PDB file of N, CA and C in Angstrom:
ATOM      1  N   MET A   1      -2.501  -9.141 -12.999  1.00  0.00           N
ATOM      2  CA  MET A   1      -1.491 -10.062 -13.031  1.00  0.00           C
ATOM      3  C   MET A   1      -1.528 -10.817 -11.663  1.00  0.00           C
ATOM      4  N   ILE A   2      -2.063 -10.344 -10.614  1.00  0.00           N
ATOM      5  CA  ILE A   2      -2.036 -11.073  -9.436  1.00  0.00           C
ATOM      6  C   ILE A   2      -2.951 -12.266  -9.436  1.00  0.00           C
ATOM      7  N   SER A   3      -4.122 -12.033 -10.331  1.00  0.00           N
ATOM      8  CA  SER A   3      -4.952 -13.290 -10.348  1.00  0.00           C
ATOM      9  C   SER A   3      -4.356 -14.462 -11.305  1.00  0.00           C
ATOM     10  N   ARG A   4      -3.494 -14.170 -12.106  1.00  0.00           N
ATOM     11  CA  ARG A   4      -2.870 -15.269 -12.809  1.00  0.00           C
ATOM     12  C   ARG A   4      -1.581 -15.763 -12.375  1.00  0.00           C
ATOM     13  N   ASN A   5      -1.134 -15.361 -11.245  1.00  0.00           N
ATOM     14  CA  ASN A   5       0.133 -15.700 -10.748  1.00  0.00           C
ATOM     15  C   ASN A   5       0.035 -17.120 -10.259  1.00  0.00           C
ATOM     16  N   THR A   6       0.457 -18.127 -11.125  1.00  0.00           N
ATOM     17  CA  THR A   6       0.328 -19.505 -10.817  1.00  0.00           C
ATOM     18  C   THR A   6       1.593 -20.120 -11.117  1.00  0.00           C
ATOM     19  N   PHE A   7       2.155 -21.100 -10.314  1.00  0.00           N
ATOM     20  CA  PHE A   7       3.338 -21.934 -10.504  1.00  0.00           C
ATOM     21  C   PHE A   7       2.891 -23.450 -10.454  1.00  0.00           C
ATOM     22  N   ALA A   8       3.394 -24.159 -11.338  1.00  0.00           N
ATOM     23  CA  ALA A   8       3.043 -25.648 -11.351  1.00  0.00           C
ATOM     24  C   ALA A   8       3.178 -26.491 -10.009  1.00  0.00           C
ATOM     25  N   ASN A   9       4.347 -26.182  -9.583  1.00  0.00           N
ATOM     26  CA  ASN A   9       4.718 -27.036  -8.322  1.00  0.00           C
ATOM     27  C   ASN A   9       4.473 -26.364  -6.972  1.00  0.00           C
ATOM     28  N   TRP A  10       3.812 -25.186  -6.814  1.00  0.00           N
ATOM     29  CA  TRP A  10       3.437 -24.499  -5.651  1.00  0.00           C
ATOM     30  C   TRP A  10       2.072 -24.783  -5.146  1.00  0.00           C
ATOM     31  N   SER A  11       1.872 -25.033  -3.936  1.00  0.00           N
ATOM     32  CA  SER A  11       0.567 -25.050  -3.264  1.00  0.00           C
ATOM     33  C   SER A  11      -0.197 -23.807  -3.528  1.00  0.00           C
ATOM     34  N   GLU A  12      -1.601 -23.959  -3.415  1.00  0.00           N
ATOM     35  CA  GLU A  12      -2.280 -22.629  -3.720  1.00  0.00           C
ATOM     36  C   GLU A  12      -2.080 -21.745  -2.482  1.00  0.00           C
ATOM     37  N   ARG A  13      -1.991 -22.222  -1.261  1.00  0.00           N
ATOM     38  CA  ARG A  13      -1.701 -21.265  -0.130  1.00  0.00           C
ATOM     39  C   ARG A  13      -0.345 -20.519  -0.477  1.00  0.00           C
ATOM     40  N   LYS A  14       0.616 -21.196  -0.772  1.00  0.00           N
ATOM     41  CA  LYS A  14       1.946 -20.429  -1.069  1.00  0.00           C
ATOM     42  C   LYS A  14       1.876 -19.371  -2.257  1.00  0.00           C
ATOM     43  N   GLN A  15       1.019 -19.667  -3.233  1.00  0.00           N
ATOM     44  CA  GLN A  15       0.894 -18.818  -4.362  1.00  0.00           C
ATOM     45  C   GLN A  15       0.175 -17.614  -3.829  1.00  0.00           C
ATOM     46  N   VAL A  16      -0.916 -17.817  -3.104  1.00  0.00           N
ATOM     47  CA  VAL A  16      -1.595 -16.563  -2.542  1.00  0.00           C
ATOM     48  C   VAL A  16      -0.762 -15.891  -1.536  1.00  0.00           C
ATOM     49  N   LEU A  17      -0.078 -16.445  -0.794  1.00  0.00           N
ATOM     50  CA  LEU A  17       0.851 -15.701   0.072  1.00  0.00           C
ATOM     51  C   LEU A  17       1.986 -14.812  -0.715  1.00  0.00           C
ATOM     52  N   MET A  18       2.483 -15.500  -1.734  1.00  0.00           N
ATOM     53  CA  MET A  18       3.414 -14.737  -2.612  1.00  0.00           C
ATOM     54  C   MET A  18       2.824 -13.582  -3.178  1.00  0.00           C
ATOM     55  N   SER A  19       1.691 -13.797  -3.746  1.00  0.00           N
ATOM     56  CA  SER A  19       1.105 -12.673  -4.496  1.00  0.00           C
ATOM     57  C   SER A  19       0.642 -11.589  -3.603  1.00  0.00           C
ATOM     58  N   VAL A  20       0.269 -11.861  -2.245  1.00  0.00           N
ATOM     59  CA  VAL A  20      -0.105 -10.872  -1.441  1.00  0.00           C
ATOM     60  C   VAL A  20       1.021 -10.073  -0.910  1.00  0.00           C
ATOM     61  N   LEU A  21       2.251 -10.728  -0.731  1.00  0.00           N
ATOM     62  CA  LEU A  21       3.500 -10.136  -0.299  1.00  0.00           C
ATOM     63  C   LEU A  21       4.064  -9.327  -1.397  1.00  0.00           C
ATOM     64  N   PHE A  22       4.004  -9.793  -2.541  1.00  0.00           N
ATOM     65  CA  PHE A  22       4.432  -8.867  -3.643  1.00  0.00           C
ATOM     66  C   PHE A  22       3.563  -7.726  -4.091  1.00  0.00           C
ATOM     67  N   ASN A  23       2.240  -7.783  -3.584  1.00  0.00           N
ATOM     68  CA  ASN A  23       1.422  -6.573  -3.685  1.00  0.00           C
ATOM     69  C   ASN A  23       1.789  -5.610  -2.757  1.00  0.00           C
ATOM     70  N   MET A  24       2.256  -6.057  -1.551  1.00  0.00           N
ATOM     71  CA  MET A  24       2.666  -5.029  -0.566  1.00  0.00           C
ATOM     72  C   MET A  24       4.227  -4.528  -0.633  1.00  0.00           C
ATOM     73  N   LEU A  25       4.856  -5.045  -1.497  1.00  0.00           N
ATOM     74  CA  LEU A  25       6.381  -4.893  -1.581  1.00  0.00           C
ATOM     75  C   LEU A  25       6.802  -3.537  -1.791  1.00  0.00           C
ATOM     76  N   THR A  26       6.199  -2.803  -2.729  1.00  0.00           N
ATOM     77  CA  THR A  26       6.486  -1.510  -3.210  1.00  0.00           C
ATOM     78  C   THR A  26       6.339  -0.432  -2.078  1.00  0.00           C
ATOM     79  N   PRO A  27       5.175  -0.361  -1.522  1.00  0.00           N
ATOM     80  CA  PRO A  27       4.939   0.472  -0.498  1.00  0.00           C
ATOM     81  C   PRO A  27       5.829   0.212   0.884  1.00  0.00           C
ATOM     82  N   ALA A  28       6.083  -1.064   1.089  1.00  0.00           N
ATOM     83  CA  ALA A  28       6.970  -1.415   2.248  1.00  0.00           C
ATOM     84  C   ALA A  28       8.351  -0.950   1.993  1.00  0.00           C
ATOM     85  N   LEU A  29       8.793  -1.062   0.662  1.00  0.00           N
ATOM     86  CA  LEU A  29      10.198  -0.581   0.368  1.00  0.00           C
ATOM     87  C   LEU A  29      10.242   0.974   0.438  1.00  0.00           C
ATOM     88  N   PHE A  30       9.154   1.648   0.103  1.00  0.00           N
ATOM     89  CA  PHE A  30       9.198   3.105   0.111  1.00  0.00           C
ATOM     90  C   PHE A  30       9.158   3.500   1.666  1.00  0.00           C
ATOM     91  N   LEU A  31       8.514   2.838   2.469  1.00  0.00           N
ATOM     92  CA  LEU A  31       8.388   3.183   3.824  1.00  0.00           C
ATOM     93  C   LEU A  31       9.675   2.894   4.496  1.00  0.00           C
ATOM     94  N   ALA A  32      10.326   1.816   4.126  1.00  0.00           N
ATOM     95  CA  ALA A  32      11.709   1.425   4.645  1.00  0.00           C
ATOM     96  C   ALA A  32      12.768   2.599   4.321  1.00  0.00           C
ATOM     97  N   ILE A  33      12.735   2.965   3.047  1.00  0.00           N
ATOM     98  CA  ILE A  33      13.561   3.866   2.504  1.00  0.00           C
ATOM     99  C   ILE A  33      13.425   5.325   3.167  1.00  0.00           C
ATOM    100  N   SER A  34      12.142   5.616   3.542  1.00  0.00           N
ATOM    101  CA  SER A  34      11.751   6.861   4.111  1.00  0.00           C
ATOM    102  C   SER A  34      12.240   6.921   5.606  1.00  0.00           C
ATOM    103  N   PHE A  35      11.962   5.692   6.346  1.00  0.00           N
ATOM    104  CA  PHE A  35      12.213   5.823   7.684  1.00  0.00           C
ATOM    105  C   PHE A  35      13.625   5.234   8.206  1.00  0.00           C
ATOM    106  N   LEU A  36      14.330   4.591   7.379  1.00  0.00           N
ATOM    107  CA  LEU A  36      15.588   4.118   7.784  1.00  0.00           C
ATOM    108  C   LEU A  36      16.695   5.071   8.386  1.00  0.00           C
ATOM    109  N   PRO A  37      16.653   6.249   7.603  1.00  0.00           N
ATOM    110  CA  PRO A  37      17.587   7.297   8.094  1.00  0.00           C
ATOM    111  C   PRO A  37      17.442   7.693   9.575  1.00  0.00           C
ATOM    112  N   LEU A  38      16.238   7.463  10.180  1.00  0.00           N
ATOM    113  CA  LEU A  38      15.991   7.749  11.548  1.00  0.00           C
ATOM    114  C   LEU A  38      16.623   6.930  12.417  1.00  0.00           C
ATOM    115  N   LEU A  39      17.357   5.834  12.162  1.00  0.00           N
ATOM    116  CA  LEU A  39      18.218   5.008  12.936  1.00  0.00           C
ATOM    117  C   LEU A  39      19.520   5.618  13.157  1.00  0.00           C
ATOM    118  N   PHE A  40      19.995   6.661  12.260  1.00  0.00           N
ATOM    119  CA  PHE A  40      21.246   7.233  12.318  1.00  0.00           C
ATOM    120  C   PHE A  40      21.281   8.701  12.567  1.00  0.00           C
ATOM    121  N   ASN A  41      20.011   9.268  12.373  1.00  0.00           N
ATOM    122  CA  ASN A  41      20.019  10.926  12.537  1.00  0.00           C
ATOM    123  C   ASN A  41      18.598  11.149  12.940  1.00  0.00           C
ATOM    124  N   PRO A  42      18.453  12.415  13.303  1.00  0.00           N
ATOM    125  CA  PRO A  42      17.058  12.805  13.755  1.00  0.00           C
ATOM    126  C   PRO A  42      15.954  13.099  12.527  1.00  0.00           C
ATOM    127  N   PHE A  43      16.475  12.790  11.292  1.00  0.00           N
ATOM    128  CA  PHE A  43      15.565  13.099  10.255  1.00  0.00           C
ATOM    129  C   PHE A  43      15.130  11.994   9.334  1.00  0.00           C
ATOM    130  N   THR A  44      14.039  12.038   8.715  1.00  0.00           N
ATOM    131  CA  THR A  44      13.664  10.915   7.789  1.00  0.00           C
ATOM    132  C   THR A  44      14.358  11.341   6.439  1.00  0.00           C
ATOM    133  N   PHE A  45      14.201  10.443   5.546  1.00  0.00           N
ATOM    134  CA  PHE A  45      14.736  10.507   4.100  1.00  0.00           C
ATOM    135  C   PHE A  45      14.244  12.059   3.562  1.00  0.00           C
ATOM    136  N   TRP A  46      12.963  12.232   3.812  1.00  0.00           N
ATOM    137  CA  TRP A  46      12.474  13.465   3.138  1.00  0.00           C
ATOM    138  C   TRP A  46      13.050  14.782   4.047  1.00  0.00           C
ATOM    139  N   GLY A  47      13.201  14.599   5.340  1.00  0.00           N
ATOM    140  CA  GLY A  47      13.884  15.663   6.098  1.00  0.00           C
ATOM    141  C   GLY A  47      15.351  15.815   5.595  1.00  0.00           C
ATOM    142  N   LEU A  48      15.915  14.782   5.257  1.00  0.00           N
ATOM    143  CA  LEU A  48      17.350  15.012   4.804  1.00  0.00           C
ATOM    144  C   LEU A  48      17.361  15.546   3.412  1.00  0.00           C
ATOM    145  N   LEU A  49      16.527  15.242   2.501  1.00  0.00           N
ATOM    146  CA  LEU A  49      16.363  15.639   1.077  1.00  0.00           C
ATOM    147  C   LEU A  49      15.934  17.131   1.075  1.00  0.00           C
ATOM    148  N   LEU A  50      14.968  17.526   1.905  1.00  0.00           N
ATOM    149  CA  LEU A  50      14.302  18.857   1.851  1.00  0.00           C
ATOM    150  C   LEU A  50      14.666  19.598   3.052  1.00  0.00           C
ATOM    151  N   ARG A  51      15.870  19.603   3.353  1.00  0.00           N
ATOM    152  CA  ARG A  51      16.403  20.529   4.577  1.00  0.00           C
ATOM    153  C   ARG A  51      15.641  21.588   4.933  1.00  0.00           C
ATOM    154  N   GLY A  52      15.415  21.875   6.180  1.00  0.00           N
ATOM    155  CA  GLY A  52      14.885  23.016   6.641  1.00  0.00           C
ATOM    156  C   GLY A  52      13.459  22.915   7.205  1.00  0.00           C
ATOM    157  N   ASP A  53      12.787  24.002   7.616  1.00  0.00           N
ATOM    158  CA  ASP A  53      11.536  23.972   8.187  1.00  0.00           C
ATOM    159  C   ASP A  53      10.457  24.463   7.161  1.00  0.00           C
ATOM    160  N   SER A  54      10.530  24.228   5.908  1.00  0.00           N
ATOM    161  CA  SER A  54       9.592  24.663   5.102  1.00  0.00           C
ATOM    162  C   SER A  54       8.547  23.833   4.893  1.00  0.00           C
ATOM    163  N   LEU A  55       7.445  24.442   4.223  1.00  0.00           N
ATOM    164  CA  LEU A  55       6.232  23.797   4.235  1.00  0.00           C
ATOM    165  C   LEU A  55       6.406  22.241   3.300  1.00  0.00           C
ATOM    166  N   LEU A  56       7.318  22.419   2.290  1.00  0.00           N
ATOM    167  CA  LEU A  56       7.572  21.375   1.498  1.00  0.00           C
ATOM    168  C   LEU A  56       8.217  20.082   2.305  1.00  0.00           C
ATOM    169  N   ALA A  57       9.153  20.524   3.218  1.00  0.00           N
ATOM    170  CA  ALA A  57       9.664  19.385   3.985  1.00  0.00           C
ATOM    171  C   ALA A  57       8.621  18.805   4.914  1.00  0.00           C
ATOM    172  N   GLY A  58       7.620  19.624   5.428  1.00  0.00           N
ATOM    173  CA  GLY A  58       6.594  19.003   6.168  1.00  0.00           C
ATOM    174  C   GLY A  58       5.617  18.283   5.330  1.00  0.00           C
ATOM    175  N   ALA A  59       5.436  18.637   4.134  1.00  0.00           N
ATOM    176  CA  ALA A  59       4.576  17.781   3.246  1.00  0.00           C
ATOM    177  C   ALA A  59       5.310  16.512   2.822  1.00  0.00           C
ATOM    178  N   GLY A  60       6.571  16.417   2.697  1.00  0.00           N
ATOM    179  CA  GLY A  60       7.267  15.343   2.284  1.00  0.00           C
ATOM    180  C   GLY A  60       7.264  14.442   3.441  1.00  0.00           C
ATOM    181  N   ALA A  61       7.291  15.004   4.637  1.00  0.00           N
ATOM    182  CA  ALA A  61       7.348  13.880   5.766  1.00  0.00           C
ATOM    183  C   ALA A  61       5.931  13.342   6.007  1.00  0.00           C
ATOM    184  N   LEU A  62       4.910  13.953   5.447  1.00  0.00           N
ATOM    185  CA  LEU A  62       3.534  13.480   5.637  1.00  0.00           C
ATOM    186  C   LEU A  62       3.228  12.330   4.714  1.00  0.00           C
ATOM    187  N   VAL A  63       3.911  12.241   3.542  1.00  0.00           N
ATOM    188  CA  VAL A  63       3.605  11.241   2.570  1.00  0.00           C
ATOM    189  C   VAL A  63       3.694   9.806   3.173  1.00  0.00           C
ATOM    190  N   PRO A  64       4.981   9.424   3.720  1.00  0.00           N
ATOM    191  CA  PRO A  64       5.130   8.070   4.213  1.00  0.00           C
ATOM    192  C   PRO A  64       4.010   7.795   5.323  1.00  0.00           C
ATOM    193  N   ILE A  65       3.690   8.762   6.216  1.00  0.00           N
ATOM    194  CA  ILE A  65       2.697   8.463   7.111  1.00  0.00           C
ATOM    195  C   ILE A  65       1.424   8.225   6.573  1.00  0.00           C
ATOM    196  N   LEU A  66       1.099   8.820   5.549  1.00  0.00           N
ATOM    197  CA  LEU A  66      -0.323   8.529   4.749  1.00  0.00           C
ATOM    198  C   LEU A  66      -0.339   7.179   4.168  1.00  0.00           C
ATOM    199  N   LEU A  67       0.890   6.571   3.790  1.00  0.00           N
ATOM    200  CA  LEU A  67       1.102   5.476   3.157  1.00  0.00           C
ATOM    201  C   LEU A  67       0.890   4.239   4.081  1.00  0.00           C
ATOM    202  N   ILE A  68       1.216   4.370   5.318  1.00  0.00           N
ATOM    203  CA  ILE A  68       1.176   3.284   6.343  1.00  0.00           C
ATOM    204  C   ILE A  68      -0.125   2.477   6.277  1.00  0.00           C
ATOM    205  N   PRO A  69      -1.314   2.967   6.047  1.00  0.00           N
ATOM    206  CA  PRO A  69      -2.425   2.222   6.217  1.00  0.00           C
ATOM    207  C   PRO A  69      -2.730   1.434   4.851  1.00  0.00           C
ATOM    208  N   PHE A  70      -1.891   1.733   3.778  1.00  0.00           N
ATOM    209  CA  PHE A  70      -2.065   1.090   2.602  1.00  0.00           C
ATOM    210  C   PHE A  70      -1.419  -0.337   2.650  1.00  0.00           C
ATOM    211  N   LEU A  71      -0.524  -0.667   3.443  1.00  0.00           N
ATOM    212  CA  LEU A  71       0.132  -1.888   3.515  1.00  0.00           C
ATOM    213  C   LEU A  71      -0.897  -2.981   3.762  1.00  0.00           C
ATOM    214  N   PRO A  72      -1.596  -2.856   4.873  1.00  0.00           N
ATOM    215  CA  PRO A  72      -2.752  -3.958   5.041  1.00  0.00           C
ATOM    216  C   PRO A  72      -3.792  -3.822   3.948  1.00  0.00           C
ATOM    217  N   ILE A  73      -4.078  -2.695   3.545  1.00  0.00           N
ATOM    218  CA  ILE A  73      -5.269  -2.623   2.441  1.00  0.00           C
ATOM    219  C   ILE A  73      -4.830  -3.253   1.169  1.00  0.00           C
ATOM    220  N   LEU A  74      -3.588  -3.174   0.768  1.00  0.00           N
ATOM    221  CA  LEU A  74      -3.173  -3.787  -0.522  1.00  0.00           C
ATOM    222  C   LEU A  74      -3.066  -5.165  -0.258  1.00  0.00           C
ATOM    223  N   GLY A  75      -2.615  -5.769   0.888  1.00  0.00           N
ATOM    224  CA  GLY A  75      -2.514  -7.159   1.211  1.00  0.00           C
ATOM    225  C   GLY A  75      -3.939  -7.854   1.104  1.00  0.00           C
ATOM    226  N   ILE A  76      -4.952  -7.062   1.852  1.00  0.00           N
ATOM    227  CA  ILE A  76      -6.386  -7.600   1.741  1.00  0.00           C
ATOM    228  C   ILE A  76      -6.961  -7.538   0.322  1.00  0.00           C
ATOM    229  N   ALA A  77      -6.532  -6.499  -0.315  1.00  0.00           N
ATOM    230  CA  ALA A  77      -7.035  -6.405  -1.752  1.00  0.00           C
ATOM    231  C   ALA A  77      -6.500  -7.450  -2.679  1.00  0.00           C
ATOM    232  N   GLY A  78      -5.351  -7.788  -2.527  1.00  0.00           N
ATOM    233  CA  GLY A  78      -4.728  -8.859  -3.351  1.00  0.00           C
ATOM    234  C   GLY A  78      -5.317 -10.242  -2.961  1.00  0.00           C
ATOM    235  N   TYR A  79      -5.608 -10.577  -1.635  1.00  0.00           N
ATOM    236  CA  TYR A  79      -6.216 -11.783  -1.244  1.00  0.00           C
ATOM    237  C   TYR A  79      -7.637 -11.844  -1.786  1.00  0.00           C
ATOM    238  N   LEU A  80      -8.448 -10.742  -1.688  1.00  0.00           N
ATOM    239  CA  LEU A  80      -9.823 -10.739  -2.183  1.00  0.00           C
ATOM    240  C   LEU A  80      -9.791 -10.971  -3.661  1.00  0.00           C
ATOM    241  N   ASN A  81      -8.852 -10.374  -4.365  1.00  0.00           N
ATOM    242  CA  ASN A  81      -8.851 -10.417  -5.871  1.00  0.00           C
ATOM    243  C   ASN A  81      -8.586 -11.821  -6.273  1.00  0.00           C
ATOM    244  N   ILE A  82      -7.624 -12.464  -5.599  1.00  0.00           N
ATOM    245  CA  ILE A  82      -7.254 -13.822  -5.980  1.00  0.00           C
ATOM    246  C   ILE A  82      -8.492 -14.750  -5.727  1.00  0.00           C
ATOM    247  N   LYS A  83      -8.968 -14.664  -4.509  1.00  0.00           N
ATOM    248  CA  LYS A  83     -10.192 -15.490  -4.173  1.00  0.00           C
ATOM    249  C   LYS A  83     -11.352 -15.249  -5.044  1.00  0.00           C
ATOM    250  N   LEU A  84     -11.718 -14.123  -5.401  1.00  0.00           N
ATOM    251  CA  LEU A  84     -12.855 -13.745  -6.227  1.00  0.00           C
ATOM    252  C   LEU A  84     -12.603 -14.382  -7.559  1.00  0.00           C
ATOM    253  N   TYR A  85     -11.307 -14.205  -8.115  1.00  0.00           N
ATOM    254  CA  TYR A  85     -11.044 -14.819  -9.368  1.00  0.00           C
ATOM    255  C   TYR A  85     -11.141 -16.160  -9.501  1.00  0.00           C
ATOM    256  N   ARG A  86     -10.587 -16.853  -8.505  1.00  0.00           N
ATOM    257  CA  ARG A  86     -10.788 -18.392  -8.443  1.00  0.00           C
ATOM    258  C   ARG A  86     -12.208 -18.865  -8.372  1.00  0.00           C
ATOM    259  N   LEU A  87     -12.978 -17.938  -7.588  1.00  0.00           N
ATOM    260  CA  LEU A  87     -14.362 -18.395  -7.419  1.00  0.00           C
ATOM    261  C   LEU A  87     -15.412 -18.197  -8.701  1.00  0.00           C
ATOM    262  N   THR A  88     -14.977 -17.081  -9.348  1.00  0.00           N
ATOM    263  CA  THR A  88     -15.839 -16.635 -10.512  1.00  0.00           C
ATOM    264  C   THR A  88     -15.222 -16.843 -11.836  1.00  0.00           C
ATOM    265  N   GLY A  89     -13.829 -16.819 -11.880  1.00  0.00           N
ATOM    266  CA  GLY A  89     -13.176 -17.046 -13.191  1.00  0.00           C
ATOM    267  C   GLY A  89     -12.900 -15.709 -14.033  1.00  0.00           C
ATOM    268  N   THR A  90     -13.278 -14.718 -13.450  1.00  0.00           N
ATOM    269  CA  THR A  90     -13.218 -13.391 -14.054  1.00  0.00           C
ATOM    270  C   THR A  90     -12.529 -12.337 -13.077  1.00  0.00           C
ATOM    271  N   ILE A  91     -11.765 -11.340 -13.614  1.00  0.00           N
ATOM    272  CA  ILE A  91     -11.126 -10.511 -12.834  1.00  0.00           C
ATOM    273  C   ILE A  91     -11.973  -9.222 -12.359  1.00  0.00           C
ATOM    274  N   TRP A  92     -13.116  -9.269 -13.030  1.00  0.00           N
ATOM    275  CA  TRP A  92     -13.832  -7.878 -12.935  1.00  0.00           C
ATOM    276  C   TRP A  92     -14.475  -7.826 -11.562  1.00  0.00           C
ATOM    277  N   LEU A  93     -15.092  -8.756 -11.035  1.00  0.00           N
ATOM    278  CA  LEU A  93     -15.739  -8.771  -9.672  1.00  0.00           C
ATOM    279  C   LEU A  93     -14.763  -8.132  -8.620  1.00  0.00           C
ATOM    280  N   GLY A  94     -13.496  -8.958  -8.557  1.00  0.00           N
ATOM    281  CA  GLY A  94     -12.448  -8.471  -7.548  1.00  0.00           C
ATOM    282  C   GLY A  94     -11.979  -6.970  -7.866  1.00  0.00           C
ATOM    283  N   ALA A  95     -11.914  -6.657  -9.051  1.00  0.00           N
ATOM    284  CA  ALA A  95     -11.372  -5.301  -9.321  1.00  0.00           C
ATOM    285  C   ALA A  95     -12.508  -4.329  -8.972  1.00  0.00           C
ATOM    286  N   LEU A  96     -13.680  -4.560  -9.225  1.00  0.00           N
ATOM    287  CA  LEU A  96     -14.618  -3.607  -8.837  1.00  0.00           C
ATOM    288  C   LEU A  96     -14.980  -3.561  -7.345  1.00  0.00           C
ATOM    289  N   LEU A  97     -14.996  -4.705  -6.542  1.00  0.00           N
ATOM    290  CA  LEU A  97     -15.026  -4.652  -5.108  1.00  0.00           C
ATOM    291  C   LEU A  97     -13.868  -3.921  -4.458  1.00  0.00           C
ATOM    292  N   ASN A  98     -12.650  -4.244  -4.893  1.00  0.00           N
ATOM    293  CA  ASN A  98     -11.478  -3.508  -4.541  1.00  0.00           C
ATOM    294  C   ASN A  98     -11.438  -2.073  -4.773  1.00  0.00           C
ATOM    295  N   ALA A  99     -11.956  -1.714  -5.949  1.00  0.00           N
ATOM    296  CA  ALA A  99     -12.078  -0.140  -6.294  1.00  0.00           C
ATOM    297  C   ALA A  99     -13.124   0.477  -5.188  1.00  0.00           C
ATOM    298  N   ILE A 100     -14.224  -0.239  -4.947  1.00  0.00           N
ATOM    299  CA  ILE A 100     -15.149   0.243  -4.009  1.00  0.00           C
ATOM    300  C   ILE A 100     -14.663   0.412  -2.512  1.00  0.00           C
ATOM    301  N   LEU A 101     -14.032  -0.640  -2.115  1.00  0.00           N
ATOM    302  CA  LEU A 101     -13.730  -0.742  -0.882  1.00  0.00           C
ATOM    303  C   LEU A 101     -12.455   0.245  -0.595  1.00  0.00           C
ATOM    304  N   ILE A 102     -11.473   0.278  -1.577  1.00  0.00           N
ATOM    305  CA  ILE A 102     -10.371   1.174  -1.279  1.00  0.00           C
ATOM    306  C   ILE A 102     -10.690   2.612  -1.396  1.00  0.00           C
ATOM    307  N   THR A 103     -11.725   3.034  -2.155  1.00  0.00           N
ATOM    308  CA  THR A 103     -12.107   4.315  -2.372  1.00  0.00           C
ATOM    309  C   THR A 103     -12.862   4.796  -1.074  1.00  0.00           C
ATOM    310  N   MET A 104     -13.753   3.818  -0.483  1.00  0.00           N
ATOM    311  CA  MET A 104     -14.405   4.237   0.724  1.00  0.00           C
ATOM    312  C   MET A 104     -13.386   4.334   1.925  1.00  0.00           C
ATOM    313  N   ILE A 105     -12.285   3.513   2.191  1.00  0.00           N
ATOM    314  CA  ILE A 105     -11.461   3.641   3.182  1.00  0.00           C
ATOM    315  C   ILE A 105     -10.631   4.870   2.958  1.00  0.00           C
ATOM    316  N   THR A 106     -10.322   5.157   1.698  1.00  0.00           N
ATOM    317  CA  THR A 106      -9.405   6.429   1.528  1.00  0.00           C
ATOM    318  C   THR A 106     -10.191   7.689   1.915  1.00  0.00           C
ATOM    319  N   VAL A 107     -11.402   7.691   1.487  1.00  0.00           N
ATOM    320  CA  VAL A 107     -12.266   8.854   1.617  1.00  0.00           C
ATOM    321  C   VAL A 107     -12.722   9.038   3.249  1.00  0.00           C
ATOM    322  N   ALA A 108     -12.871   7.827   3.854  1.00  0.00           N
ATOM    323  CA  ALA A 108     -13.170   7.874   5.285  1.00  0.00           C
ATOM    324  C   ALA A 108     -11.908   8.365   6.058  1.00  0.00           C
ATOM    325  N   ASN A 109     -10.679   8.020   5.593  1.00  0.00           N
ATOM    326  CA  ASN A 109      -9.455   8.452   6.343  1.00  0.00           C
ATOM    327  C   ASN A 109      -8.895   9.765   6.079  1.00  0.00           C
ATOM    328  N   THR A 110      -9.575  10.506   5.205  1.00  0.00           N
ATOM    329  CA  THR A 110      -9.265  11.871   4.809  1.00  0.00           C
ATOM    330  C   THR A 110      -9.784  12.875   5.660  1.00  0.00           C
ATOM    331  N   SER A 111      -8.855  13.819   6.044  1.00  0.00           N
ATOM    332  CA  SER A 111      -9.418  14.936   6.921  1.00  0.00           C
ATOM    333  C   SER A 111      -9.398  16.165   6.030  1.00  0.00           C
ATOM    334  N   PHE A 112     -10.278  17.022   6.318  1.00  0.00           N
ATOM    335  CA  PHE A 112     -10.497  18.297   5.441  1.00  0.00           C
ATOM    336  C   PHE A 112     -11.004  19.273   6.541  1.00  0.00           C
ATOM    337  N   SER A 113     -10.366  20.476   6.470  1.00  0.00           N
ATOM    338  CA  SER A 113     -10.917  21.489   7.384  1.00  0.00           C
ATOM    339  C   SER A 113     -10.782  22.916   6.571  1.00  0.00           C
ATOM    340  N   PHE A 114     -11.719  23.663   7.128  1.00  0.00           N
ATOM    341  CA  PHE A 114     -11.767  25.090   6.567  1.00  0.00           C
ATOM    342  C   PHE A 114     -11.172  26.025   7.640  1.00  0.00           C
ATOM    343  N   PRO A 115     -10.277  26.985   7.169  1.00  0.00           N
ATOM    344  CA  PRO A 115      -9.843  27.970   8.178  1.00  0.00           C
ATOM    345  C   PRO A 115     -10.910  28.910   8.535  1.00  0.00           C
ATOM    346  N   TYR A 116     -11.314  28.985   9.791  1.00  0.00           N
ATOM    347  CA  TYR A 116     -12.415  29.784  10.193  1.00  0.00           C
ATOM    348  C   TYR A 116     -11.804  31.175  10.534  1.00  0.00           C
TER     349      TYR A 116
END
């Protein structure tokens, strides 16, 4: 959908900017909902929802933190997709490149440890 987002009276720059911003909108809203309660109390949304010091509360607090790097990643992915679509006329090159790049970034940012 992002590749075919065109409006007749908009400049190309404005169309690309809107597509990139809408690509980043959902994770940004999720992060805002997660962290806005910190302005009023010492808990995030997940801390309020999963009261207590349980493992589930800690895991729920970790999800928004892991989502933060995806905001610029999704913006860059949308920009690359649009530019490659306009260059080649097909969506497949942008999709393949984004899949490879996002997989590499996600794997590189993942930590895994064994309990010794």
